[in-house]
Amino acid sequence: MLDMREVLRVIRKRWYVTLPIVLITVALSAVANSVLPTTYQSQCSISLLNSPDVAAEAPNNGNPFLSFSQALTVTADFLGRRLSSDESAKDLKARGLTGEYGVKLADNAMGPFLTLTVTGSDPAQVKKSTVVLNTYAADQLKAIQTEQKAPAGAQITSTVIIPPQEPQAQLKQKLQSVALIGLAGLAVAFLSAFVAENLAGVLQRRRAGSGAAAAGATAADQAAEPSLAAGR
């Protein structure tokens, strides 16, 4: 386990390695923050309602909001799947929807409620696309029933619960990318400091070994000189 004091000592000692990497990391993070696009998201919610004929027959004084049933929730799920199909995606693109969109049953929904979401980089276009998606959902609900020859007076309708909201900036993904660059740069700086420290240690040991070998050779030569002199 590394001692924090030892880590700080190495980083301070090898500052000439870590500092350039840290500066480059800061620069890259700043560039990423300015270059990566900010995405915006807008949502709206719709509800399916029983047909006027069904509502009139039910004991609810004709109020469609008292006519929710499991069947409507099933229809809402069916409509959501239809809107998520490739064919619908092409139709929506032709109608002017840009960016990404999603359709799902509302979280913790107790009835036939759908949440429509559009995400993109242009807030004005996101708002416009949410309106397009909302209108298309109503059209598809009618088309589904017309295909099955459901009588006009008995068709399920939809109403807007929450109109298309002003697009909100979604910064989480962008900040995660910038943070990832920063963490990667700091990790490289940290590892580089220890690599430099280890290389310096290896070189120091090699120099010490070379110095010891040279000193030994010199001592041997000096010891041999008296013997040569005596032999003469």
C-alpha atoms as a PDB file:
ATOM      1  CA  MET A   1       0.000   0.000   0.000  1.00  0.00           C
ATOM      2  CA  LEU A   2       1.405   3.390  -1.010  1.00  0.00           C
ATOM      3  CA  ASP A   3       2.201   5.913   1.708  1.00  0.00           C
ATOM      4  CA  MET A   4       0.514   9.242   0.906  1.00  0.00           C
ATOM      5  CA  ARG A   5       3.572  11.156   2.075  1.00  0.00           C
ATOM      6  CA  GLU A   6       5.730   9.101  -0.272  1.00  0.00           C
ATOM      7  CA  VAL A   7       3.299   9.760  -3.122  1.00  0.00           C
ATOM      8  CA  LEU A   8       3.393  13.506  -2.504  1.00  0.00           C
ATOM      9  CA  ARG A   9       7.179  13.415  -2.226  1.00  0.00           C
ATOM     10  CA  VAL A  10       7.513  11.708  -5.594  1.00  0.00           C
ATOM     11  CA  ILE A  11       5.051  14.084  -7.257  1.00  0.00           C
ATOM     12  CA  ARG A  12       6.862  17.138  -5.858  1.00  0.00           C
ATOM     13  CA  LYS A  13      10.254  15.741  -6.803  1.00  0.00           C
ATOM     14  CA  ARG A  14       9.173  14.914 -10.355  1.00  0.00           C
ATOM     15  CA  TRP A  15       7.095  18.059 -10.848  1.00  0.00           C
ATOM     16  CA  TYR A  16       8.729  18.644 -14.228  1.00  0.00           C
ATOM     17  CA  VAL A  17       6.983  15.458 -15.424  1.00  0.00           C
ATOM     18  CA  THR A  18       3.595  15.910 -13.756  1.00  0.00           C
ATOM     19  CA  LEU A  19       3.111  19.655 -14.330  1.00  0.00           C
ATOM     20  CA  PRO A  20       3.121  19.563 -18.180  1.00  0.00           C
ATOM     21  CA  ILE A  21       0.674  16.636 -18.162  1.00  0.00           C
ATOM     22  CA  VAL A  22      -1.635  18.412 -15.713  1.00  0.00           C
ATOM     23  CA  LEU A  23      -1.578  21.573 -17.843  1.00  0.00           C
ATOM     24  CA  ILE A  24      -2.343  19.580 -20.978  1.00  0.00           C
ATOM     25  CA  THR A  25      -5.189  17.836 -19.129  1.00  0.00           C
ATOM     26  CA  VAL A  26      -6.681  21.166 -18.042  1.00  0.00           C
ATOM     27  CA  ALA A  27      -6.453  22.450 -21.615  1.00  0.00           C
ATOM     28  CA  LEU A  28      -8.076  19.313 -23.049  1.00  0.00           C
ATOM     29  CA  SER A  29     -10.869  19.483 -20.461  1.00  0.00           C
ATOM     30  CA  ALA A  30     -11.542  23.118 -21.341  1.00  0.00           C
ATOM     31  CA  VAL A  31     -11.599  22.302 -25.062  1.00  0.00           C
ATOM     32  CA  ALA A  32     -13.946  19.360 -24.484  1.00  0.00           C
ATOM     33  CA  ASN A  33     -16.273  21.538 -22.410  1.00  0.00           C
ATOM     34  CA  SER A  34     -16.487  24.104 -25.207  1.00  0.00           C
ATOM     35  CA  VAL A  35     -16.609  21.661 -28.126  1.00  0.00           C
ATOM     36  CA  LEU A  36     -18.997  19.003 -26.814  1.00  0.00           C
ATOM     37  CA  PRO A  37     -22.563  20.113 -27.586  1.00  0.00           C
ATOM     38  CA  THR A  38     -25.058  20.780 -24.830  1.00  0.00           C
ATOM     39  CA  THR A  39     -28.194  18.714 -25.322  1.00  0.00           C
ATOM     40  CA  TYR A  40     -31.676  19.939 -24.468  1.00  0.00           C
ATOM     41  CA  GLN A  41     -34.755  17.933 -23.601  1.00  0.00           C
ATOM     42  CA  SER A  42     -38.448  18.691 -23.720  1.00  0.00           C
ATOM     43  CA  GLN A  43     -41.330  16.530 -22.557  1.00  0.00           C
ATOM     44  CA  CYS A  44     -45.079  16.427 -22.749  1.00  0.00           C
ATOM     45  CA  SER A  45     -47.659  13.976 -21.432  1.00  0.00           C
ATOM     46  CA  ILE A  46     -50.893  12.765 -22.973  1.00  0.00           C
ATOM     47  CA  SER A  47     -53.731  10.639 -21.709  1.00  0.00           C
ATOM     48  CA  LEU A  48     -56.042   8.307 -23.587  1.00  0.00           C
ATOM     49  CA  LEU A  49     -59.766   8.752 -22.993  1.00  0.00           C
ATOM     50  CA  ASN A  50     -62.720   6.502 -23.616  1.00  0.00           C
ATOM     51  CA  SER A  51     -64.886   7.318 -26.601  1.00  0.00           C
ATOM     52  CA  PRO A  52     -67.919   9.557 -26.067  1.00  0.00           C
ATOM     53  CA  ASP A  53     -70.245   6.621 -26.712  1.00  0.00           C
ATOM     54  CA  VAL A  54     -68.610   4.484 -24.007  1.00  0.00           C
ATOM     55  CA  ALA A  55     -68.533   7.411 -21.594  1.00  0.00           C
ATOM     56  CA  ALA A  56     -72.206   8.125 -22.130  1.00  0.00           C
ATOM     57  CA  GLU A  57     -73.131   4.531 -21.387  1.00  0.00           C
ATOM     58  CA  ALA A  58     -71.014   4.381 -18.208  1.00  0.00           C
ATOM     59  CA  PRO A  59     -72.364   5.651 -14.879  1.00  0.00           C
ATOM     60  CA  ASN A  60     -70.062   8.668 -14.799  1.00  0.00           C
ATOM     61  CA  ASN A  61     -72.265  11.463 -16.171  1.00  0.00           C
ATOM     62  CA  GLY A  62     -70.296  11.400 -19.410  1.00  0.00           C
ATOM     63  CA  ASN A  63     -67.024  12.491 -17.764  1.00  0.00           C
ATOM     64  CA  PRO A  64     -64.230  10.701 -19.668  1.00  0.00           C
ATOM     65  CA  PHE A  65     -61.813  11.176 -16.760  1.00  0.00           C
ATOM     66  CA  LEU A  66     -63.980   8.784 -14.770  1.00  0.00           C
ATOM     67  CA  SER A  67     -63.780   6.168 -17.498  1.00  0.00           C
ATOM     68  CA  PHE A  68     -60.171   4.937 -17.198  1.00  0.00           C
ATOM     69  CA  SER A  69     -59.801   1.185 -17.485  1.00  0.00           C
ATOM     70  CA  GLN A  70     -57.054  -1.393 -17.956  1.00  0.00           C
ATOM     71  CA  ALA A  71     -58.025  -1.595 -21.617  1.00  0.00           C
ATOM     72  CA  LEU A  72     -56.986   2.038 -22.124  1.00  0.00           C
ATOM     73  CA  THR A  73     -53.596   1.339 -20.532  1.00  0.00           C
ATOM     74  CA  VAL A  74     -53.087  -1.556 -22.932  1.00  0.00           C
ATOM     75  CA  THR A  75     -54.008   0.725 -25.832  1.00  0.00           C
ATOM     76  CA  ALA A  76     -51.555   3.343 -24.560  1.00  0.00           C
ATOM     77  CA  ASP A  77     -48.796   0.732 -24.482  1.00  0.00           C
ATOM     78  CA  PHE A  78     -49.719  -0.349 -28.011  1.00  0.00           C
ATOM     79  CA  LEU A  79     -49.606   3.261 -29.215  1.00  0.00           C
ATOM     80  CA  GLY A  80     -46.218   3.792 -27.555  1.00  0.00           C
ATOM     81  CA  ARG A  81     -44.771   0.792 -29.358  1.00  0.00           C
ATOM     82  CA  ARG A  82     -46.214   2.014 -32.643  1.00  0.00           C
ATOM     83  CA  LEU A  83     -44.642   5.434 -32.193  1.00  0.00           C
ATOM     84  CA  SER A  84     -41.281   3.806 -31.449  1.00  0.00           C
ATOM     85  CA  SER A  85     -41.210   1.830 -34.698  1.00  0.00           C
ATOM     86  CA  ASP A  86     -38.840   2.546 -37.578  1.00  0.00           C
ATOM     87  CA  GLU A  87     -41.775   3.470 -39.810  1.00  0.00           C
ATOM     88  CA  SER A  88     -42.954   6.091 -37.335  1.00  0.00           C
ATOM     89  CA  ALA A  89     -39.409   7.431 -37.024  1.00  0.00           C
ATOM     90  CA  LYS A  90     -39.317   7.989 -40.797  1.00  0.00           C
ATOM     91  CA  ASP A  91     -42.732   9.668 -40.765  1.00  0.00           C
ATOM     92  CA  LEU A  92     -41.709  11.955 -37.915  1.00  0.00           C
ATOM     93  CA  LYS A  93     -38.495  12.910 -39.668  1.00  0.00           C
ATOM     94  CA  ALA A  94     -40.514  13.791 -42.758  1.00  0.00           C
ATOM     95  CA  ARG A  95     -42.744  15.986 -40.586  1.00  0.00           C
ATOM     96  CA  GLY A  96     -39.728  17.902 -39.316  1.00  0.00           C
ATOM     97  CA  LEU A  97     -38.784  16.151 -36.087  1.00  0.00           C
ATOM     98  CA  THR A  98     -35.052  16.302 -35.445  1.00  0.00           C
ATOM     99  CA  GLY A  99     -32.924  14.830 -32.697  1.00  0.00           C
ATOM    100  CA  GLU A 100     -33.878  11.764 -30.694  1.00  0.00           C
ATOM    101  CA  TYR A 101     -37.293  11.031 -29.278  1.00  0.00           C
ATOM    102  CA  GLY A 102     -38.796   8.535 -26.881  1.00  0.00           C
ATOM    103  CA  VAL A 103     -42.286   7.385 -25.956  1.00  0.00           C
ATOM    104  CA  LYS A 104     -43.136   5.397 -22.831  1.00  0.00           C
ATOM    105  CA  LEU A 105     -45.845   4.859 -20.288  1.00  0.00           C
ATOM    106  CA  ALA A 106     -45.483   7.517 -17.612  1.00  0.00           C
ATOM    107  CA  ASP A 107     -43.483   6.451 -14.568  1.00  0.00           C
ATOM    108  CA  ASN A 108     -45.690   5.053 -11.806  1.00  0.00           C
ATOM    109  CA  ALA A 109     -48.685   5.610 -14.062  1.00  0.00           C
ATOM    110  CA  MET A 110     -52.067   4.580 -12.671  1.00  0.00           C
ATOM    111  CA  GLY A 111     -53.754   5.017 -16.029  1.00  0.00           C
ATOM    112  CA  PRO A 112     -53.219   5.324 -19.801  1.00  0.00           C
ATOM    113  CA  PHE A 113     -50.642   8.127 -19.619  1.00  0.00           C
ATOM    114  CA  LEU A 114     -47.788   8.467 -22.111  1.00  0.00           C
ATOM    115  CA  THR A 115     -44.671  10.620 -21.740  1.00  0.00           C
ATOM    116  CA  LEU A 116     -43.246  11.980 -24.995  1.00  0.00           C
ATOM    117  CA  THR A 117     -39.616  13.140 -24.921  1.00  0.00           C
ATOM    118  CA  VAL A 118     -37.435  14.858 -27.518  1.00  0.00           C
ATOM    119  CA  THR A 119     -33.684  15.496 -27.100  1.00  0.00           C
ATOM    120  CA  GLY A 120     -31.458  17.612 -29.347  1.00  0.00           C
ATOM    121  CA  SER A 121     -28.822  20.334 -29.494  1.00  0.00           C
ATOM    122  CA  ASP A 122     -31.092  23.202 -30.629  1.00  0.00           C
ATOM    123  CA  PRO A 123     -33.631  24.168 -27.929  1.00  0.00           C
ATOM    124  CA  ALA A 124     -35.976  25.883 -30.391  1.00  0.00           C
ATOM    125  CA  GLN A 125     -35.999  22.846 -32.665  1.00  0.00           C
ATOM    126  CA  VAL A 126     -36.466  20.536 -29.679  1.00  0.00           C
ATOM    127  CA  LYS A 127     -39.601  22.438 -28.645  1.00  0.00           C
ATOM    128  CA  LYS A 128     -40.919  22.350 -32.203  1.00  0.00           C
ATOM    129  CA  SER A 129     -40.178  18.618 -32.513  1.00  0.00           C
ATOM    130  CA  THR A 130     -42.050  17.911 -29.268  1.00  0.00           C
ATOM    131  CA  VAL A 131     -45.140  19.580 -30.743  1.00  0.00           C
ATOM    132  CA  VAL A 132     -44.714  17.493 -33.899  1.00  0.00           C
ATOM    133  CA  LEU A 133     -44.460  14.289 -31.848  1.00  0.00           C
ATOM    134  CA  ASN A 134     -47.529  15.204 -29.820  1.00  0.00           C
ATOM    135  CA  THR A 135     -49.601  15.828 -32.946  1.00  0.00           C
ATOM    136  CA  TYR A 136     -48.315  12.651 -34.585  1.00  0.00           C
ATOM    137  CA  ALA A 137     -49.293  10.592 -31.536  1.00  0.00           C
ATOM    138  CA  ALA A 138     -52.898  11.797 -31.812  1.00  0.00           C
ATOM    139  CA  ASP A 139     -52.907  11.074 -35.548  1.00  0.00           C
ATOM    140  CA  GLN A 140     -51.550   7.562 -35.016  1.00  0.00           C
ATOM    141  CA  LEU A 141     -54.112   6.805 -32.323  1.00  0.00           C
ATOM    142  CA  LYS A 142     -56.842   7.665 -34.796  1.00  0.00           C
ATOM    143  CA  ALA A 143     -55.124   5.768 -37.642  1.00  0.00           C
ATOM    144  CA  ILE A 144     -54.798   2.593 -35.551  1.00  0.00           C
ATOM    145  CA  GLN A 145     -58.533   2.530 -34.877  1.00  0.00           C
ATOM    146  CA  THR A 146     -59.471   3.506 -38.427  1.00  0.00           C
ATOM    147  CA  GLU A 147     -57.386   0.588 -39.743  1.00  0.00           C
ATOM    148  CA  GLN A 148     -59.508  -1.738 -37.637  1.00  0.00           C
ATOM    149  CA  LYS A 149     -62.709  -0.031 -38.850  1.00  0.00           C
ATOM    150  CA  ALA A 150     -63.714   1.142 -35.382  1.00  0.00           C
ATOM    151  CA  PRO A 151     -66.832   3.357 -35.574  1.00  0.00           C
ATOM    152  CA  ALA A 152     -65.978   7.045 -35.379  1.00  0.00           C
ATOM    153  CA  GLY A 153     -68.237   7.580 -32.367  1.00  0.00           C
ATOM    154  CA  ALA A 154     -66.623   4.719 -30.457  1.00  0.00           C
ATOM    155  CA  GLN A 155     -62.981   5.650 -31.010  1.00  0.00           C
ATOM    156  CA  ILE A 156     -60.593   6.337 -28.139  1.00  0.00           C
ATOM    157  CA  THR A 157     -59.255   9.886 -28.087  1.00  0.00           C
ATOM    158  CA  SER A 158     -56.253  11.565 -26.483  1.00  0.00           C
ATOM    159  CA  THR A 159     -55.795  14.766 -24.558  1.00  0.00           C
ATOM    160  CA  VAL A 160     -52.722  16.685 -23.482  1.00  0.00           C
ATOM    161  CA  ILE A 161     -52.042  16.529 -19.746  1.00  0.00           C
ATOM    162  CA  ILE A 162     -48.744  18.443 -19.786  1.00  0.00           C
ATOM    163  CA  PRO A 163     -48.095  20.535 -22.909  1.00  0.00           C
ATOM    164  CA  PRO A 164     -44.629  20.576 -24.494  1.00  0.00           C
ATOM    165  CA  GLN A 165     -42.278  22.054 -21.910  1.00  0.00           C
ATOM    166  CA  GLU A 166     -39.484  24.530 -22.436  1.00  0.00           C
ATOM    167  CA  PRO A 167     -36.317  22.557 -23.286  1.00  0.00           C
ATOM    168  CA  GLN A 168     -33.971  22.041 -20.356  1.00  0.00           C
ATOM    169  CA  ALA A 169     -30.192  21.662 -20.686  1.00  0.00           C
ATOM    170  CA  GLN A 170     -28.969  18.118 -20.019  1.00  0.00           C
ATOM    171  CA  LEU A 171     -25.426  18.582 -18.695  1.00  0.00           C
ATOM    172  CA  LYS A 172     -24.848  15.219 -17.038  1.00  0.00           C
ATOM    173  CA  GLN A 173     -23.352  13.407 -20.043  1.00  0.00           C
ATOM    174  CA  LYS A 174     -21.209  16.390 -21.015  1.00  0.00           C
ATOM    175  CA  LEU A 175     -19.849  16.831 -17.501  1.00  0.00           C
ATOM    176  CA  GLN A 176     -19.138  13.107 -17.292  1.00  0.00           C
ATOM    177  CA  SER A 177     -17.043  13.294 -20.471  1.00  0.00           C
ATOM    178  CA  VAL A 178     -15.076  16.306 -19.205  1.00  0.00           C
ATOM    179  CA  ALA A 179     -14.536  14.631 -15.828  1.00  0.00           C
ATOM    180  CA  LEU A 180     -13.346  11.446 -17.537  1.00  0.00           C
ATOM    181  CA  ILE A 181     -10.722  13.400 -19.470  1.00  0.00           C
ATOM    182  CA  GLY A 182      -9.569  15.092 -16.258  1.00  0.00           C
ATOM    183  CA  LEU A 183      -9.321  11.836 -14.318  1.00  0.00           C
ATOM    184  CA  ALA A 184      -7.457  10.126 -17.156  1.00  0.00           C
ATOM    185  CA  GLY A 185      -4.970  12.997 -17.345  1.00  0.00           C
ATOM    186  CA  LEU A 186      -4.352  12.967 -13.590  1.00  0.00           C
ATOM    187  CA  ALA A 187      -3.835   9.211 -13.678  1.00  0.00           C
ATOM    188  CA  VAL A 188      -1.266   9.578 -16.471  1.00  0.00           C
ATOM    189  CA  ALA A 189       0.518  12.327 -14.513  1.00  0.00           C
ATOM    190  CA  PHE A 190       0.558  10.172 -11.377  1.00  0.00           C
ATOM    191  CA  LEU A 191       1.929   7.125 -13.188  1.00  0.00           C
ATOM    192  CA  SER A 192       4.465   9.196 -15.118  1.00  0.00           C
ATOM    193  CA  ALA A 193       5.882  10.589 -11.861  1.00  0.00           C
ATOM    194  CA  PHE A 194       6.495   7.095 -10.502  1.00  0.00           C
ATOM    195  CA  VAL A 195       7.872   5.835 -13.814  1.00  0.00           C
ATOM    196  CA  ALA A 196      10.323   8.745 -13.817  1.00  0.00           C
ATOM    197  CA  GLU A 197      11.213   8.015 -10.187  1.00  0.00           C
ATOM    198  CA  ASN A 198      11.857   4.338 -10.946  1.00  0.00           C
ATOM    199  CA  LEU A 199      13.953   5.142 -14.018  1.00  0.00           C
ATOM    200  CA  ALA A 200      16.004   7.606 -11.995  1.00  0.00           C
ATOM    201  CA  GLY A 201      16.576   4.928  -9.355  1.00  0.00           C
ATOM    202  CA  VAL A 202      17.688   2.412 -11.967  1.00  0.00           C
ATOM    203  CA  LEU A 203      20.121   4.889 -13.527  1.00  0.00           C
ATOM    204  CA  GLN A 204      21.450   5.840 -10.110  1.00  0.00           C
ATOM    205  CA  ARG A 205      22.102   2.195  -9.229  1.00  0.00           C
ATOM    206  CA  ARG A 206      23.819   1.620 -12.555  1.00  0.00           C
ATOM    207  CA  ARG A 207      26.070   4.631 -12.002  1.00  0.00           C
ATOM    208  CA  ALA A 208      26.848   3.425  -8.506  1.00  0.00           C
ATOM    209  CA  GLY A 209      27.688  -0.039  -9.828  1.00  0.00           C
ATOM    210  CA  SER A 210      29.887   1.401 -12.565  1.00  0.00           C
ATOM    211  CA  GLY A 211      31.676   3.630 -10.013  1.00  0.00           C
ATOM    212  CA  ALA A 212      32.272   0.683  -7.687  1.00  0.00           C
ATOM    213  CA  ALA A 213      33.652  -1.414 -10.538  1.00  0.00           C
ATOM    214  CA  ALA A 214      35.972   1.393 -11.607  1.00  0.00           C
ATOM    215  CA  ALA A 215      37.159   1.913  -8.036  1.00  0.00           C
ATOM    216  CA  GLY A 216      37.840  -1.808  -7.694  1.00  0.00           C
ATOM    217  CA  ALA A 217      39.845  -1.850 -10.907  1.00  0.00           C
ATOM    218  CA  THR A 218      41.883   1.143  -9.765  1.00  0.00           C
ATOM    219  CA  ALA A 219      42.603  -0.496  -6.412  1.00  0.00           C
ATOM    220  CA  ALA A 220      43.712  -3.674  -8.158  1.00  0.00           C
ATOM    221  CA  ASP A 221      46.040  -1.740 -10.416  1.00  0.00           C
ATOM    222  CA  GLN A 222      47.551   0.091  -7.457  1.00  0.00           C
ATOM    223  CA  ALA A 223      48.088  -3.180  -5.599  1.00  0.00           C
ATOM    224  CA  ALA A 224      49.794  -4.708  -8.623  1.00  0.00           C
ATOM    225  CA  GLU A 225      52.332  -1.883  -9.071  1.00  0.00           C
ATOM    226  CA  PRO A 226      54.498  -2.717  -5.955  1.00  0.00           C
ATOM    227  CA  SER A 227      54.641  -6.346  -7.014  1.00  0.00           C
ATOM    228  CA  LEU A 228      55.900  -5.381 -10.438  1.00  0.00           C
ATOM    229  CA  ALA A 229      58.461  -3.052  -8.924  1.00  0.00           C
ATOM    230  CA  ALA A 230      59.759  -5.760  -6.570  1.00  0.00           C
ATOM    231  CA  GLY A 231      60.037  -8.208  -9.418  1.00  0.00           C
ATOM    232  CA  ARG A 232      62.274  -5.837 -11.314  1.00  0.00           C
END
